[in-house]
């Protein structure tokens, strides 16, 4: 944890304190719609809290990006790693499967899996309806 992470946490807590003080003083109204919190105000405390929280997010992203740069200790050049990722997915649009994959073996496995899922769901639907 470097100094940017600490400053980011400080700004986050300062923003939360500004919002909290604004809520208790009546300048800021807050609530939750489904799972999304919201804040409504035209006062200075809400603006200051918003600025603190945005600044903390920017600082945290900068600190994380700065920590992820790997340098070789001898010549200070970036270390490059060669990695390969294989994957795929299935999107069921009604009874129609859309299969994609980076490898034909993965795509074939996912096609079989999609057919099995469709058959199981068909039997479940016929059983209960």
C-alpha atoms as a PDB file:
ATOM      1  CA  UNK A   1       0.000   0.000   0.000  1.00  0.00           C
ATOM      2  CA  UNK A   2       1.685   3.176  -1.157  1.00  0.00           C
ATOM      3  CA  UNK A   3       0.990   6.826  -0.386  1.00  0.00           C
ATOM      4  CA  UNK A   4      -1.538   7.147  -3.216  1.00  0.00           C
ATOM      5  CA  UNK A   5      -3.657   4.350  -1.753  1.00  0.00           C
ATOM      6  CA  UNK A   6      -3.586   6.057   1.649  1.00  0.00           C
ATOM      7  CA  UNK A   7      -4.526   9.405   0.104  1.00  0.00           C
ATOM      8  CA  UNK A   8      -7.301   7.677  -1.841  1.00  0.00           C
ATOM      9  CA  UNK A   9      -8.750   6.196   1.351  1.00  0.00           C
ATOM     10  CA  UNK A  10      -8.497   9.580   3.079  1.00  0.00           C
ATOM     11  CA  UNK A  11     -10.412  11.261   0.233  1.00  0.00           C
ATOM     12  CA  UNK A  12     -13.046   8.511   0.254  1.00  0.00           C
ATOM     13  CA  UNK A  13     -13.646   8.911   3.989  1.00  0.00           C
ATOM     14  CA  UNK A  14     -13.663  12.709   3.643  1.00  0.00           C
ATOM     15  CA  UNK A  15     -16.328  12.434   0.933  1.00  0.00           C
ATOM     16  CA  UNK A  16     -18.428  10.093   3.069  1.00  0.00           C
ATOM     17  CA  UNK A  17     -18.081  12.459   6.038  1.00  0.00           C
ATOM     18  CA  UNK A  18     -19.174  15.423   3.870  1.00  0.00           C
ATOM     19  CA  UNK A  19     -22.221  13.487   2.665  1.00  0.00           C
ATOM     20  CA  UNK A  20     -23.013  12.302   6.195  1.00  0.00           C
ATOM     21  CA  UNK A  21     -22.758  15.796   7.670  1.00  0.00           C
ATOM     22  CA  UNK A  22     -24.897  17.150   4.842  1.00  0.00           C
ATOM     23  CA  UNK A  23     -27.548  14.475   5.459  1.00  0.00           C
ATOM     24  CA  UNK A  24     -27.677  15.180   9.201  1.00  0.00           C
ATOM     25  CA  UNK A  25     -27.785  18.943   8.674  1.00  0.00           C
ATOM     26  CA  UNK A  26     -30.601  18.607   6.128  1.00  0.00           C
ATOM     27  CA  UNK A  27     -28.714  19.965   3.104  1.00  0.00           C
ATOM     28  CA  UNK A  28     -28.403  16.581   1.397  1.00  0.00           C
ATOM     29  CA  UNK A  29     -31.059  13.923   0.860  1.00  0.00           C
ATOM     30  CA  UNK A  30     -30.063  10.342   0.167  1.00  0.00           C
ATOM     31  CA  UNK A  31     -31.809   7.091  -0.555  1.00  0.00           C
ATOM     32  CA  UNK A  32     -31.662   3.750  -2.300  1.00  0.00           C
ATOM     33  CA  UNK A  33     -33.516   2.688  -5.425  1.00  0.00           C
ATOM     34  CA  UNK A  34     -33.473  -1.121  -5.639  1.00  0.00           C
ATOM     35  CA  UNK A  35     -29.738  -1.531  -4.881  1.00  0.00           C
ATOM     36  CA  UNK A  36     -28.386   1.765  -6.201  1.00  0.00           C
ATOM     37  CA  UNK A  37     -27.759   4.551  -3.700  1.00  0.00           C
ATOM     38  CA  UNK A  38     -28.420   8.149  -4.710  1.00  0.00           C
ATOM     39  CA  UNK A  39     -27.726  11.590  -3.289  1.00  0.00           C
ATOM     40  CA  UNK A  40     -29.689  14.726  -4.161  1.00  0.00           C
ATOM     41  CA  UNK A  41     -28.625  18.215  -3.186  1.00  0.00           C
ATOM     42  CA  UNK A  42     -27.723  21.612  -4.485  1.00  0.00           C
ATOM     43  CA  UNK A  43     -25.518  22.494  -1.536  1.00  0.00           C
ATOM     44  CA  UNK A  44     -21.790  22.829  -1.121  1.00  0.00           C
ATOM     45  CA  UNK A  45     -21.370  19.746   1.086  1.00  0.00           C
ATOM     46  CA  UNK A  46     -22.720  17.383  -1.552  1.00  0.00           C
ATOM     47  CA  UNK A  47     -20.504  18.969  -4.196  1.00  0.00           C
ATOM     48  CA  UNK A  48     -17.450  18.686  -1.941  1.00  0.00           C
ATOM     49  CA  UNK A  49     -18.277  15.066  -1.054  1.00  0.00           C
ATOM     50  CA  UNK A  50     -18.740  14.219  -4.725  1.00  0.00           C
ATOM     51  CA  UNK A  51     -15.368  15.787  -5.599  1.00  0.00           C
ATOM     52  CA  UNK A  52     -13.626  13.891  -2.789  1.00  0.00           C
ATOM     53  CA  UNK A  53     -15.081  10.552  -3.891  1.00  0.00           C
ATOM     54  CA  UNK A  54     -14.274  11.085  -7.590  1.00  0.00           C
ATOM     55  CA  UNK A  55     -10.752  12.168  -6.665  1.00  0.00           C
ATOM     56  CA  UNK A  56     -10.331   9.063  -4.479  1.00  0.00           C
ATOM     57  CA  UNK A  57     -11.389   6.807  -7.374  1.00  0.00           C
ATOM     58  CA  UNK A  58      -8.906   8.507  -9.716  1.00  0.00           C
ATOM     59  CA  UNK A  59      -6.107   8.228  -7.138  1.00  0.00           C
ATOM     60  CA  UNK A  60      -6.872   4.556  -6.497  1.00  0.00           C
ATOM     61  CA  UNK A  61      -6.775   3.730 -10.223  1.00  0.00           C
ATOM     62  CA  UNK A  62      -3.507   5.638 -10.620  1.00  0.00           C
ATOM     63  CA  UNK A  63      -1.933   3.867  -7.632  1.00  0.00           C
ATOM     64  CA  UNK A  64      -3.073   0.451  -8.873  1.00  0.00           C
ATOM     65  CA  UNK A  65      -1.739   1.087 -12.374  1.00  0.00           C
ATOM     66  CA  UNK A  66       1.534   2.345 -10.938  1.00  0.00           C
ATOM     67  CA  UNK A  67       1.953  -0.794  -8.802  1.00  0.00           C
ATOM     68  CA  UNK A  68       1.234  -3.157 -11.702  1.00  0.00           C
ATOM     69  CA  UNK A  69       4.198  -2.032 -13.780  1.00  0.00           C
ATOM     70  CA  UNK A  70       6.849  -4.729 -13.355  1.00  0.00           C
ATOM     71  CA  UNK A  71      10.425  -3.678 -13.841  1.00  0.00           C
ATOM     72  CA  UNK A  72      13.497  -5.836 -13.990  1.00  0.00           C
ATOM     73  CA  UNK A  73      15.735  -4.845 -11.077  1.00  0.00           C
ATOM     74  CA  UNK A  74      18.985  -4.854 -13.103  1.00  0.00           C
ATOM     75  CA  UNK A  75      18.245  -2.797 -16.202  1.00  0.00           C
ATOM     76  CA  UNK A  76      14.859  -1.222 -15.352  1.00  0.00           C
ATOM     77  CA  UNK A  77      13.122  -2.532 -18.459  1.00  0.00           C
ATOM     78  CA  UNK A  78       9.542  -3.771 -18.370  1.00  0.00           C
ATOM     79  CA  UNK A  79       9.202  -7.520 -17.962  1.00  0.00           C
ATOM     80  CA  UNK A  80       7.053  -9.018 -20.705  1.00  0.00           C
ATOM     81  CA  UNK A  81       5.231 -12.245 -20.022  1.00  0.00           C
ATOM     82  CA  UNK A  82       3.672 -14.302 -22.786  1.00  0.00           C
ATOM     83  CA  UNK A  83       0.368 -15.778 -21.718  1.00  0.00           C
ATOM     84  CA  UNK A  84      -2.394 -17.480 -23.610  1.00  0.00           C
ATOM     85  CA  UNK A  85      -5.985 -17.704 -22.501  1.00  0.00           C
ATOM     86  CA  UNK A  86      -8.478 -20.180 -23.892  1.00  0.00           C
ATOM     87  CA  UNK A  87     -12.163 -19.775 -23.240  1.00  0.00           C
ATOM     88  CA  UNK A  88     -15.631 -19.703 -24.619  1.00  0.00           C
ATOM     89  CA  UNK A  89     -19.243 -19.149 -23.795  1.00  0.00           C
ATOM     90  CA  UNK A  90     -22.831 -20.041 -24.531  1.00  0.00           C
ATOM     91  CA  UNK A  91     -25.687 -17.573 -24.886  1.00  0.00           C
ATOM     92  CA  UNK A  92     -29.135 -19.143 -24.861  1.00  0.00           C
ATOM     93  CA  UNK A  93     -31.651 -16.982 -26.727  1.00  0.00           C
ATOM     94  CA  UNK A  94     -34.785 -18.964 -26.072  1.00  0.00           C
ATOM     95  CA  UNK A  95     -34.139 -22.448 -27.421  1.00  0.00           C
ATOM     96  CA  UNK A  96     -31.381 -21.264 -29.755  1.00  0.00           C
ATOM     97  CA  UNK A  97     -27.822 -21.580 -28.433  1.00  0.00           C
ATOM     98  CA  UNK A  98     -25.114 -19.186 -29.577  1.00  0.00           C
ATOM     99  CA  UNK A  99     -21.716 -20.775 -28.944  1.00  0.00           C
ATOM    100  CA  UNK A 100     -18.358 -19.059 -29.198  1.00  0.00           C
ATOM    101  CA  UNK A 101     -14.866 -20.102 -28.212  1.00  0.00           C
ATOM    102  CA  UNK A 102     -11.201 -19.512 -28.855  1.00  0.00           C
ATOM    103  CA  UNK A 103     -10.602 -23.186 -29.578  1.00  0.00           C
ATOM    104  CA  UNK A 104     -12.694 -25.684 -31.537  1.00  0.00           C
ATOM    105  CA  UNK A 105     -12.497 -28.225 -28.692  1.00  0.00           C
ATOM    106  CA  UNK A 106     -13.953 -25.729 -26.255  1.00  0.00           C
ATOM    107  CA  UNK A 107     -16.676 -24.742 -28.725  1.00  0.00           C
ATOM    108  CA  UNK A 108     -17.604 -28.397 -29.338  1.00  0.00           C
ATOM    109  CA  UNK A 109     -17.780 -29.069 -25.595  1.00  0.00           C
ATOM    110  CA  UNK A 110     -19.970 -26.001 -25.101  1.00  0.00           C
ATOM    111  CA  UNK A 111     -22.282 -27.087 -27.945  1.00  0.00           C
ATOM    112  CA  UNK A 112     -22.824 -30.433 -26.251  1.00  0.00           C
ATOM    113  CA  UNK A 113     -23.353 -28.676 -22.925  1.00  0.00           C
ATOM    114  CA  UNK A 114     -25.894 -26.292 -24.481  1.00  0.00           C
ATOM    115  CA  UNK A 115     -27.834 -29.189 -26.018  1.00  0.00           C
ATOM    116  CA  UNK A 116     -27.912 -30.983 -22.653  1.00  0.00           C
ATOM    117  CA  UNK A 117     -29.130 -27.821 -20.910  1.00  0.00           C
ATOM    118  CA  UNK A 118     -31.874 -27.316 -23.516  1.00  0.00           C
ATOM    119  CA  UNK A 119     -33.039 -30.942 -23.154  1.00  0.00           C
ATOM    120  CA  UNK A 120     -33.096 -30.695 -19.336  1.00  0.00           C
ATOM    121  CA  UNK A 121     -35.001 -27.403 -19.419  1.00  0.00           C
ATOM    122  CA  UNK A 122     -37.491 -28.848 -21.933  1.00  0.00           C
ATOM    123  CA  UNK A 123     -38.228 -31.815 -19.658  1.00  0.00           C
ATOM    124  CA  UNK A 124     -38.587 -29.514 -16.647  1.00  0.00           C
ATOM    125  CA  UNK A 125     -40.989 -27.243 -18.526  1.00  0.00           C
ATOM    126  CA  UNK A 126     -43.080 -30.227 -19.743  1.00  0.00           C
ATOM    127  CA  UNK A 127     -43.123 -31.748 -16.268  1.00  0.00           C
ATOM    128  CA  UNK A 128     -44.403 -28.655 -14.445  1.00  0.00           C
ATOM    129  CA  UNK A 129     -46.662 -27.112 -17.110  1.00  0.00           C
END
